[in-house]
Protein backbone atom coordinates (compact mmCIF):
# COMPACT_ATOMS: atom_id res chain seq x y z
CA UNK A 1 -11.35 11.42 -19.72
CA UNK A 2 -10.57 11.51 -16.03
CA UNK A 3 -11.83 14.65 -14.35
CA UNK A 4 -10.19 16.35 -11.41
CA UNK A 5 -13.29 15.59 -9.33
CA UNK A 6 -12.95 11.83 -9.98
CA UNK A 7 -9.27 11.93 -9.06
CA UNK A 8 -10.19 13.64 -5.77
CA UNK A 9 -12.80 10.94 -5.11
CA UNK A 10 -10.20 8.19 -5.65
CA UNK A 11 -7.71 10.01 -3.42
CA UNK A 12 -10.30 10.25 -0.63
CA UNK A 13 -11.15 6.55 -1.01
CA UNK A 14 -7.45 5.69 -0.76
CA UNK A 15 -6.96 7.98 2.22
CA UNK A 16 -9.86 6.48 4.15
CA UNK A 17 -9.42 2.79 3.30
CA UNK A 18 -5.64 2.71 3.73
CA UNK A 19 -6.01 2.81 7.52
CA UNK A 20 -8.88 0.32 7.75
CA UNK A 21 -8.47 -3.47 7.81
CA UNK A 22 -9.73 -3.66 4.21
CA UNK A 23 -8.00 -3.58 0.85
CA UNK A 24 -7.51 0.01 -0.24
CA UNK A 25 -6.24 -1.31 -3.59
CA UNK A 26 -9.37 -3.38 -4.06
CA UNK A 27 -11.61 -0.44 -3.26
CA UNK A 28 -9.73 1.71 -5.77
CA UNK A 29 -10.35 -0.88 -8.49
CA UNK A 30 -14.05 -1.14 -7.57
CA UNK A 31 -14.60 2.62 -7.56
CA UNK A 32 -12.65 3.08 -10.78
CA UNK A 33 -15.09 0.64 -12.36
CA UNK A 34 -18.13 2.31 -10.80
CA UNK A 35 -17.00 5.79 -11.87
CA UNK A 36 -15.92 4.62 -15.32
CA UNK A 37 -12.32 5.69 -14.78
CA UNK A 38 -9.41 4.12 -16.60
CA UNK A 39 -6.07 5.11 -15.11
CA UNK A 40 -2.69 3.43 -15.41
CA UNK A 41 -1.49 1.26 -12.54
CA UNK A 42 1.11 3.95 -11.83
CA UNK A 43 -1.76 6.18 -10.64
CA UNK A 44 -2.74 3.62 -7.98
CA UNK A 45 0.89 3.19 -6.99
CA UNK A 46 1.20 6.97 -6.72
CA UNK A 47 -1.78 7.08 -4.36
CA UNK A 48 -0.18 4.38 -2.18
CA UNK A 49 3.14 6.25 -2.14
CA UNK A 50 1.34 9.38 -1.01
CA UNK A 51 -0.19 7.36 1.83
CA UNK A 52 3.30 6.25 2.84
CA UNK A 53 4.46 9.88 2.67
CA UNK A 54 1.54 10.97 4.90
CA UNK A 55 2.41 8.22 7.37
CA UNK A 56 6.08 9.22 7.39
CA UNK A 57 5.09 12.85 7.89
CA UNK A 58 2.81 11.96 10.81
CA UNK A 59 5.47 9.80 12.49
CA UNK A 60 8.46 11.95 11.50
CA UNK A 61 9.58 12.58 15.08
CA UNK A 62 9.56 8.86 15.87
CA UNK A 63 11.32 8.03 12.60
CA UNK A 64 14.04 10.63 13.18
CA UNK A 65 14.50 9.42 16.75
CA UNK A 66 14.83 5.80 15.58
CA UNK A 67 17.28 6.76 12.86
CA UNK A 68 19.45 8.63 15.36
CA UNK A 69 19.45 5.59 17.65
CA UNK A 70 20.22 3.29 14.72
CA UNK A 71 23.93 3.99 14.76
CA UNK A 72 25.39 0.56 13.94
CA UNK A 73 28.13 1.03 16.51
CA UNK A 74 25.85 2.01 19.40
CA UNK A 75 22.42 0.53 18.70
CA UNK A 76 20.97 -2.50 20.45
CA UNK A 77 20.50 -5.81 18.72
CA UNK A 78 16.72 -5.21 18.63
CA UNK A 79 17.14 -1.93 16.75
CA UNK A 80 19.55 -3.57 14.31
CA UNK A 81 17.05 -6.38 13.80
CA UNK A 82 14.24 -3.91 13.00
CA UNK A 83 16.43 -2.17 10.42
CA UNK A 84 17.42 -5.51 8.91
CA UNK A 85 13.75 -6.55 8.66
CA UNK A 86 12.85 -3.26 6.96
CA UNK A 87 15.64 -3.66 4.40
CA UNK A 88 14.79 -7.34 3.77
CA UNK A 89 11.09 -6.59 3.37
CA UNK A 90 11.85 -3.86 0.83
CA UNK A 91 14.16 -6.15 -1.16
CA UNK A 92 11.75 -9.10 -1.10
CA UNK A 93 8.80 -6.90 -2.12
CA UNK A 94 10.76 -5.51 -5.07
CA UNK A 95 11.74 -9.00 -6.21
CA UNK A 96 8.15 -10.27 -5.94
CA UNK A 97 6.80 -7.30 -7.91
CA UNK A 98 9.33 -7.93 -10.68
CA UNK A 99 8.51 -11.65 -10.79
CA UNK A 100 4.72 -11.31 -10.50
CA UNK A 101 4.30 -8.18 -12.64
CA UNK A 102 1.70 -9.75 -14.96
CA UNK A 103 -0.31 -11.21 -12.08
CA UNK A 104 -0.30 -7.86 -10.30
CA UNK A 105 -1.65 -6.12 -13.41
CA UNK A 106 -4.57 -8.56 -13.54
CA UNK A 107 -5.34 -8.12 -9.85
CA UNK A 108 -5.36 -4.33 -10.26
CA UNK A 109 -7.79 -4.43 -13.18
CA UNK A 110 -10.08 -7.48 -12.82
CA UNK A 111 -13.14 -7.11 -10.59
CA UNK A 112 -13.38 -10.90 -10.11
CA UNK A 113 -9.83 -11.01 -8.76
CA UNK A 114 -10.59 -8.07 -6.48
CA UNK A 115 -13.81 -9.71 -5.26
CA UNK A 116 -11.99 -12.96 -4.51
CA UNK A 117 -9.24 -11.06 -2.69
CA UNK A 118 -11.75 -9.14 -0.58
CA UNK A 119 -13.61 -12.38 0.21
CA UNK A 120 -10.41 -14.12 1.34
CA UNK A 121 -9.40 -11.07 3.39
CA UNK A 122 -12.85 -11.00 5.00
CA UNK A 123 -12.54 -14.68 5.90
CA UNK A 124 -9.12 -14.16 7.44
CA UNK A 125 -10.39 -11.20 9.44
CA UNK A 126 -13.40 -13.19 10.64
CA UNK A 127 -11.23 -16.16 11.64
CA UNK A 128 -8.76 -14.00 13.52
């Protein structure tokens, strides 16, 4: 059984690691294992969506300003390009999640996959 306290711990881990150059998803998997928590992948996705909501809330003035400037008839080509990139990234992410659904489930539950992912991320950070 997942207690409220353990859910709060996972939410804090997500909130802290989301903004660091580390894998917040990987840390969630590790701490779920350490705390003996078994939650559906939708729980992790929900935590990530709440991070996006917090980010949108924090930058709401900038987002509203950009949206007002994004009038297709009046906006610059750079603003149109940013909107196009946002739409394309959302579409491509959705397609990849649908195609790689089984792989994503393994990565969100297997500590070896998480360890390998963190190792590769660490290497890339060190190289850069």
